[in-house]
Amino acid sequence: ANQQSERSTMKQASLRARFGNLIVLLCCLVHKEAQGFSPTAPLRSQVMAGPVERNSLGPWEPSQFDEIKKATSRRENPSTSLGLSVGALDVGALAVSVFSSSGNVPLIQAFGVNAALFTTLSQKLFTMLTPTGFAHSLALGTMLWSTLGWKGWVFCVSYLFLGQIVTKVRFEEKQKAGLAEGRGGRRGPENVWGSAATGLVCAACAAQDVGVLGFGPKLFLLGYVASLATKLSDTFASEIGKAYGKTTFLITTLERVEPGTEGAVSVEGTAASVVGGLALSIIGYSLGLVHTIPAVAVSTFAAFVATNIESLLGATLQEKEGLEWITNEVINFLNTLIGAMIAMTMGAMLLGMA
């Protein structure tokens, strides 16, 4: 057991070291991008301040690098309102771009800041995610930061932390009863995408300047908030129901069943689902992802309805002969998709959102 623990610690340390090296590389790349050229890519014409031509017929010659240095040295050194600059790297402009509240952050910048944050939080994250789950979460975080900016990222991380907290409620008791999540409650890639695939699609659509399929950015933002609120509502219902549920019923027949049965519901779990959906919807409102209290109510209602539909799907489709492909992750995806669709439909019909 001690050897296994040591190997796990060494593996985590190795991963953190690799991410640290990656951050250094990314800083160099971002610095070169700010200067307008990269030694590994063709020179961009808009950067040049001198008569240097792009050589499209072959690799860069050493003399061309000298010309690049002379050209960039003649450029005016940019400054920011804070008076911060490092060579040609405009720190203020880079910060404005990375922390843009409107999203659409360049992918390399989104990846760089996510690599830095994941490295900083790696010790905590490895208690919540498997190594492959960690890597997939990094990819998800990068795409969310690129589409919705830091607000969309913080919202998703809030879901992850709240879900982990409620998963650990009476965890040892649930583990003894065979009701606890596997892998000590740590999430793998299948959990990451089963929970967040719908949200990522909504985020990508919300980042577009024009509507998609007749829905505008505000409706897709509501769908993004509702999709993760739905998943957290389901997690609260499941984990609190297993921890505190005194009597559980099968949602299709109201027959009494054992806690943890697919499709089982309890009064305690149902009440917890409302709390989970409402909590994350309020976080979305505080971050400015949804802008009105009625939108918070719509998101909470959609999450509650979708969570109960998820119980119905679980009772009728999961663990049935011939339907082995309908796993818990497939049900989770359908759950979040239904929650987003309900919220967006209500937003358009009842709130006049476009």
Protein backbone atom coordinates (compact mmCIF):
# COMPACT_ATOMS: atom_id res chain seq x y z
CA ALA A 1 0.00 0.00 0.00
CA ASN A 2 2.86 2.36 0.87
CA GLN A 3 4.63 1.56 -2.42
CA GLN A 4 1.44 2.20 -4.34
CA SER A 5 1.00 5.53 -2.54
CA GLU A 6 4.62 6.49 -3.32
CA ARG A 7 4.15 5.60 -7.00
CA SER A 8 0.98 7.69 -7.13
CA THR A 9 2.76 10.64 -5.51
CA MET A 10 5.70 10.36 -7.94
CA LYS A 11 3.31 10.19 -10.90
CA GLN A 12 1.49 13.32 -9.76
CA ALA A 13 4.79 15.13 -9.21
CA SER A 14 5.93 14.12 -12.69
CA LEU A 15 2.69 15.44 -14.20
CA ARG A 16 3.05 18.75 -12.35
CA ALA A 17 6.64 19.07 -13.59
CA ARG A 18 5.56 18.46 -17.17
CA PHE A 19 2.84 21.07 -16.90
CA GLY A 20 5.36 23.48 -15.41
CA ASN A 21 7.64 22.99 -18.41
CA LEU A 22 4.66 23.44 -20.69
CA ILE A 23 3.84 26.80 -19.10
CA VAL A 24 7.39 28.04 -19.75
CA LEU A 25 7.05 27.01 -23.39
CA LEU A 26 3.67 28.72 -23.67
CA CYS A 27 5.04 31.94 -22.20
CA CYS A 28 7.74 31.92 -24.87
CA LEU A 29 5.15 31.32 -27.59
CA VAL A 30 2.87 34.08 -26.32
CA HIS A 31 5.84 36.44 -26.15
CA LYS A 32 6.74 35.68 -29.74
CA GLU A 33 3.11 36.11 -30.81
CA ALA A 34 3.06 39.52 -29.16
CA GLN A 35 6.17 40.46 -31.12
CA GLY A 36 4.43 39.35 -34.26
CA PHE A 37 6.70 36.52 -35.37
CA SER A 38 7.71 33.00 -34.44
CA PRO A 39 10.91 31.26 -35.51
CA THR A 40 8.85 28.13 -36.23
CA ALA A 41 6.26 29.83 -38.46
CA PRO A 42 6.25 32.14 -41.49
CA LEU A 43 6.45 35.83 -40.78
CA ARG A 44 3.11 37.66 -40.77
CA SER A 45 3.08 40.56 -43.16
CA GLN A 46 1.21 42.92 -40.80
CA VAL A 47 4.03 42.73 -38.28
CA MET A 48 6.75 44.00 -40.49
CA ALA A 49 7.92 47.55 -40.14
CA GLY A 50 10.70 47.19 -42.71
CA PRO A 51 11.36 45.81 -46.18
CA VAL A 52 11.56 42.16 -45.15
CA GLU A 53 9.80 39.79 -47.51
CA ARG A 54 8.33 36.44 -46.61
CA ASN A 55 10.28 33.55 -48.10
CA SER A 56 7.57 31.16 -49.23
CA LEU A 57 9.91 28.88 -51.12
CA GLY A 58 12.02 27.53 -48.33
CA PRO A 59 13.11 27.68 -44.68
CA TRP A 60 14.26 30.84 -42.94
CA GLU A 61 17.83 31.89 -43.54
CA PRO A 62 20.00 33.25 -40.67
CA SER A 63 20.19 36.64 -42.39
CA GLN A 64 16.40 36.90 -42.27
CA PHE A 65 16.42 36.61 -38.49
CA ASP A 66 18.83 39.53 -38.33
CA GLU A 67 16.46 41.57 -40.48
CA ILE A 68 13.54 40.59 -38.22
CA LYS A 69 15.41 41.78 -35.15
CA LYS A 70 16.24 45.09 -36.81
CA ALA A 71 12.65 45.56 -37.95
CA THR A 72 11.15 44.83 -34.54
CA SER A 73 13.74 47.00 -32.77
CA ARG A 74 12.56 49.98 -34.83
CA ARG A 75 8.96 49.53 -33.72
CA GLU A 76 7.70 51.71 -30.94
CA ASN A 77 7.68 49.88 -27.65
CA PRO A 78 3.99 49.51 -26.67
CA SER A 79 2.81 50.51 -23.23
CA THR A 80 -0.34 50.06 -21.20
CA SER A 81 -2.36 52.25 -18.91
CA LEU A 82 -0.53 50.50 -16.09
CA GLY A 83 2.85 51.24 -17.67
CA LEU A 84 3.65 47.51 -17.90
CA SER A 85 5.57 46.10 -20.83
CA VAL A 86 8.20 43.45 -21.35
CA GLY A 87 10.04 44.09 -24.61
CA ALA A 88 7.34 43.96 -27.26
CA LEU A 89 4.97 42.03 -25.00
CA ASP A 90 2.07 44.26 -23.99
CA VAL A 91 1.13 42.84 -20.60
CA GLY A 92 -1.99 44.94 -20.28
CA ALA A 93 -3.32 43.95 -23.71
CA LEU A 94 -2.56 40.30 -23.00
CA ALA A 95 -4.40 40.46 -19.67
CA VAL A 96 -7.39 42.17 -21.29
CA SER A 97 -7.48 39.44 -23.93
CA VAL A 98 -7.12 36.51 -21.51
CA PHE A 99 -9.63 37.88 -19.00
CA SER A 100 -12.13 39.19 -21.52
CA SER A 101 -15.62 39.05 -20.00
CA SER A 102 -17.13 38.54 -23.44
CA GLY A 103 -15.16 35.37 -24.20
CA ASN A 104 -13.64 34.60 -27.61
CA VAL A 105 -10.18 34.31 -26.06
CA PRO A 106 -7.46 33.02 -28.45
CA LEU A 107 -7.07 29.29 -27.96
CA ILE A 108 -3.35 29.38 -27.15
CA GLN A 109 -3.96 31.98 -24.42
CA ALA A 110 -6.86 29.94 -23.02
CA PHE A 111 -4.65 26.86 -22.96
CA GLY A 112 -1.80 28.73 -21.30
CA VAL A 113 -3.91 30.09 -18.45
CA ASN A 114 -5.60 26.70 -17.96
CA ALA A 115 -2.26 24.92 -17.85
CA ALA A 116 -1.10 27.40 -15.19
CA LEU A 117 -4.29 27.05 -13.13
CA PHE A 118 -4.42 23.26 -13.40
CA THR A 119 -0.77 23.02 -12.36
CA THR A 120 -1.38 25.28 -9.37
CA LEU A 121 -4.48 23.31 -8.32
CA SER A 122 -3.17 19.89 -9.34
CA GLN A 123 -2.81 18.55 -5.80
CA LYS A 124 -6.49 19.22 -5.10
CA LEU A 125 -7.68 18.26 -8.58
CA PHE A 126 -6.02 14.85 -8.43
CA THR A 127 -8.23 14.05 -5.43
CA MET A 128 -11.27 14.83 -7.60
CA LEU A 129 -10.15 13.52 -11.00
CA THR A 130 -8.32 10.51 -12.38
CA PRO A 131 -5.16 11.30 -14.40
CA THR A 132 -7.07 10.90 -17.67
CA GLY A 133 -9.98 12.85 -16.19
CA PHE A 134 -7.48 15.59 -15.33
CA ALA A 135 -6.26 15.76 -18.94
CA HIS A 136 -9.78 15.82 -20.37
CA SER A 137 -10.81 18.48 -17.88
CA LEU A 138 -7.85 20.58 -19.03
CA ALA A 139 -9.14 20.29 -22.59
CA LEU A 140 -12.68 21.16 -21.49
CA GLY A 141 -11.44 24.12 -19.44
CA THR A 142 -9.42 25.42 -22.38
CA MET A 143 -12.42 25.33 -24.70
CA LEU A 144 -14.73 26.93 -22.17
CA TRP A 145 -12.24 29.73 -21.46
CA SER A 146 -11.81 30.28 -25.19
CA THR A 147 -15.57 30.53 -25.82
CA LEU A 148 -17.01 32.16 -22.69
CA GLY A 149 -13.92 33.51 -20.96
CA TRP A 150 -13.15 33.24 -17.26
CA LYS A 151 -16.82 33.49 -16.24
CA GLY A 152 -17.80 30.34 -18.10
CA TRP A 153 -14.73 28.58 -16.67
CA VAL A 154 -15.46 29.61 -13.08
CA PHE A 155 -19.06 28.47 -13.47
CA CYS A 156 -18.01 24.98 -14.60
CA VAL A 157 -15.39 24.71 -11.85
CA SER A 158 -18.08 25.71 -9.32
CA TYR A 159 -20.14 22.77 -10.55
CA LEU A 160 -17.15 20.44 -10.14
CA PHE A 161 -16.36 21.57 -6.60
CA LEU A 162 -19.98 21.54 -5.39
CA GLY A 163 -20.50 18.12 -6.94
CA GLN A 164 -17.38 16.79 -5.24
CA ILE A 165 -18.46 18.21 -1.88
CA VAL A 166 -21.86 16.55 -1.98
CA THR A 167 -20.34 13.28 -3.25
CA LYS A 168 -18.19 13.10 -0.10
CA VAL A 169 -21.21 13.46 2.24
CA ARG A 170 -21.27 10.30 4.40
CA PHE A 171 -18.95 8.75 1.83
CA GLU A 172 -17.63 5.99 4.10
CA GLU A 173 -21.16 4.91 5.01
CA LYS A 174 -22.19 4.86 1.36
CA GLN A 175 -19.03 2.94 0.53
CA LYS A 176 -19.80 0.25 3.11
CA ALA A 177 -23.31 -0.07 1.74
CA GLY A 178 -21.98 -0.34 -1.82
CA LEU A 179 -23.63 2.94 -2.85
CA ALA A 180 -20.57 5.20 -3.20
CA GLU A 181 -19.12 6.35 -6.50
CA GLY A 182 -16.25 4.22 -7.77
CA ARG A 183 -12.58 5.29 -7.70
CA GLY A 184 -13.13 7.09 -4.40
CA GLY A 185 -15.49 9.54 -6.06
CA ARG A 186 -12.90 10.71 -8.59
CA ARG A 187 -14.22 11.59 -12.06
CA GLY A 188 -12.85 10.11 -15.26
CA PRO A 189 -13.13 11.35 -18.87
CA GLU A 190 -16.50 9.65 -19.35
CA ASN A 191 -17.87 11.63 -16.41
CA VAL A 192 -16.35 14.87 -17.71
CA TRP A 193 -17.99 14.66 -21.13
CA GLY A 194 -21.21 13.03 -19.97
CA SER A 195 -21.71 16.03 -17.70
CA ALA A 196 -20.31 18.87 -19.80
CA ALA A 197 -20.69 17.99 -23.51
CA THR A 198 -24.04 19.76 -23.76
CA GLY A 199 -22.70 22.77 -21.89
CA LEU A 200 -19.68 23.01 -24.20
CA VAL A 201 -21.90 23.00 -27.29
CA CYS A 202 -24.05 25.76 -25.74
CA ALA A 203 -20.91 27.73 -24.89
CA ALA A 204 -19.58 27.45 -28.44
CA CYS A 205 -22.93 28.62 -29.86
CA ALA A 206 -23.16 31.48 -27.35
CA ALA A 207 -19.76 32.73 -28.50
CA GLN A 208 -21.07 33.31 -32.03
CA ASP A 209 -22.08 36.83 -33.01
CA VAL A 210 -25.12 35.56 -34.89
CA GLY A 211 -27.82 33.16 -33.78
CA VAL A 212 -27.54 29.41 -34.29
CA LEU A 213 -30.64 27.43 -35.32
CA GLY A 214 -32.78 30.45 -34.53
CA PHE A 215 -31.46 30.83 -30.98
CA GLY A 216 -29.41 33.87 -29.96
CA PRO A 217 -26.36 34.03 -27.65
CA LYS A 218 -28.42 34.85 -24.53
CA LEU A 219 -30.54 31.74 -24.97
CA PHE A 220 -27.46 29.58 -25.40
CA LEU A 221 -25.98 31.11 -22.24
CA LEU A 222 -29.18 30.16 -20.43
CA GLY A 223 -28.83 26.67 -21.88
CA TYR A 224 -25.23 26.48 -20.67
CA VAL A 225 -26.20 27.46 -17.13
CA ALA A 226 -29.21 25.13 -17.11
CA SER A 227 -27.24 22.13 -18.44
CA LEU A 228 -24.72 22.19 -15.58
CA ALA A 229 -27.40 23.16 -13.05
CA THR A 230 -29.28 20.06 -14.21
CA LYS A 231 -26.26 17.84 -13.66
CA LEU A 232 -25.60 19.30 -10.22
CA SER A 233 -29.29 18.89 -9.37
CA ASP A 234 -29.02 15.21 -10.31
CA THR A 235 -25.82 14.81 -8.26
CA PHE A 236 -27.42 16.42 -5.21
CA ALA A 237 -30.51 14.22 -5.56
CA SER A 238 -28.48 11.05 -5.92
CA GLU A 239 -25.85 11.65 -3.22
CA ILE A 240 -28.14 13.17 -0.59
CA GLY A 241 -30.79 10.57 -1.32
CA LYS A 242 -28.29 7.77 -0.75
CA ALA A 243 -26.91 9.43 2.38
CA TYR A 244 -30.12 10.57 4.08
CA GLY A 245 -33.04 9.06 2.18
CA LYS A 246 -35.21 7.09 4.59
CA THR A 247 -37.67 5.74 2.05
CA THR A 248 -36.98 5.39 -1.67
CA PHE A 249 -39.53 4.71 -4.39
CA LEU A 250 -39.22 3.66 -8.01
CA ILE A 251 -40.37 6.68 -10.03
CA THR A 252 -42.31 4.56 -12.54
CA THR A 253 -44.41 2.49 -10.12
CA LEU A 254 -43.88 4.16 -6.71
CA GLU A 255 -42.82 0.74 -5.45
CA ARG A 256 -40.43 0.82 -2.50
CA VAL A 257 -36.89 -0.09 -3.54
CA GLU A 258 -33.40 -0.07 -2.08
CA PRO A 259 -31.42 3.20 -2.13
CA GLY A 260 -29.17 3.41 -5.17
CA THR A 261 -31.60 1.60 -7.47
CA GLU A 262 -31.75 3.14 -10.94
CA GLY A 263 -34.83 5.35 -11.09
CA ALA A 264 -35.25 5.50 -7.31
CA VAL A 265 -36.34 8.79 -5.73
CA SER A 266 -36.76 9.99 -2.16
CA VAL A 267 -38.18 13.07 -0.48
CA GLU A 268 -34.74 14.04 0.81
CA GLY A 269 -33.08 13.59 -2.57
CA THR A 270 -35.85 15.46 -4.38
CA ALA A 271 -35.52 18.44 -2.04
CA ALA A 272 -31.73 18.37 -2.45
CA SER A 273 -32.10 18.45 -6.23
CA VAL A 274 -33.90 21.80 -5.99
CA VAL A 275 -31.12 23.16 -3.77
CA GLY A 276 -28.40 22.02 -6.18
CA GLY A 277 -30.07 23.44 -9.27
CA LEU A 278 -30.88 26.73 -7.54
CA ALA A 279 -27.37 27.12 -6.08
CA LEU A 280 -25.62 26.81 -9.44
CA SER A 281 -28.21 28.98 -11.20
CA ILE A 282 -27.55 31.73 -8.65
CA ILE A 283 -23.81 31.40 -9.30
CA GLY A 284 -24.54 31.82 -13.01
CA TYR A 285 -26.52 34.96 -12.21
CA SER A 286 -23.75 36.36 -10.00
CA LEU A 287 -21.24 35.82 -12.82
CA GLY A 288 -23.49 37.58 -15.33
CA LEU A 289 -24.10 34.50 -17.48
CA VAL A 290 -27.84 34.98 -16.95
CA HIS A 291 -29.07 38.48 -16.25
CA THR A 292 -32.47 38.26 -14.55
CA ILE A 293 -34.09 36.54 -11.59
CA PRO A 294 -36.77 34.99 -13.86
CA ALA A 295 -33.92 33.38 -15.84
CA VAL A 296 -32.59 31.89 -12.59
CA ALA A 297 -36.08 30.51 -11.88
CA VAL A 298 -36.29 29.04 -15.39
CA SER A 299 -32.88 27.37 -15.02
CA THR A 300 -33.80 25.94 -11.62
CA PHE A 301 -37.16 24.65 -12.86
CA ALA A 302 -35.59 23.10 -15.97
CA ALA A 303 -32.95 21.39 -13.83
CA PHE A 304 -35.61 19.95 -11.50
CA VAL A 305 -37.79 18.64 -14.33
CA ALA A 306 -34.85 17.19 -16.25
CA THR A 307 -33.54 15.45 -13.12
CA ASN A 308 -36.86 13.67 -12.66
CA ILE A 309 -36.92 12.74 -16.35
CA GLU A 310 -33.41 11.34 -15.85
CA SER A 311 -34.75 9.10 -13.06
CA LEU A 312 -37.49 7.93 -15.43
CA LEU A 313 -34.94 7.18 -18.16
CA GLY A 314 -32.76 5.33 -15.70
CA ALA A 315 -35.65 3.16 -14.52
CA THR A 316 -36.85 2.27 -18.02
CA LEU A 317 -33.67 2.08 -20.11
CA GLN A 318 -30.62 1.33 -17.97
CA GLU A 319 -29.51 -2.22 -17.26
CA LYS A 320 -32.01 -3.61 -19.76
CA GLU A 321 -31.23 -6.47 -22.15
CA GLY A 322 -30.21 -5.17 -25.54
CA LEU A 323 -29.63 -1.66 -24.20
CA GLU A 324 -26.22 -2.21 -22.63
CA TRP A 325 -24.88 0.81 -24.56
CA ILE A 326 -27.12 3.09 -22.50
CA THR A 327 -24.65 3.69 -19.69
CA ASN A 328 -24.88 6.14 -16.82
CA GLU A 329 -22.82 8.62 -18.86
CA VAL A 330 -25.29 8.42 -21.78
CA ILE A 331 -28.14 9.10 -19.37
CA ASN A 332 -26.19 12.04 -17.91
CA PHE A 333 -25.72 13.51 -21.38
CA LEU A 334 -29.45 13.16 -22.15
CA ASN A 335 -30.21 14.66 -18.75
CA THR A 336 -28.16 17.81 -19.42
CA LEU A 337 -29.48 18.06 -22.99
CA ILE A 338 -33.09 17.93 -21.78
CA GLY A 339 -32.37 20.53 -19.08
CA ALA A 340 -30.82 22.91 -21.60
CA MET A 341 -33.65 22.44 -24.10
CA ILE A 342 -36.35 23.05 -21.49
CA ALA A 343 -34.62 26.21 -20.24
CA MET A 344 -34.03 27.60 -23.74
CA THR A 345 -37.62 26.90 -24.80
CA MET A 346 -39.00 28.56 -21.67
CA GLY A 347 -36.59 31.46 -22.07
CA ALA A 348 -37.83 32.08 -25.61
CA MET A 349 -41.54 31.58 -24.90
CA LEU A 350 -41.93 33.05 -21.41
CA LEU A 351 -39.10 35.56 -21.09
CA GLY A 352 -38.97 36.77 -24.67
CA MET A 353 -35.26 35.99 -24.95
CA ALA A 354 -33.76 35.82 -28.42
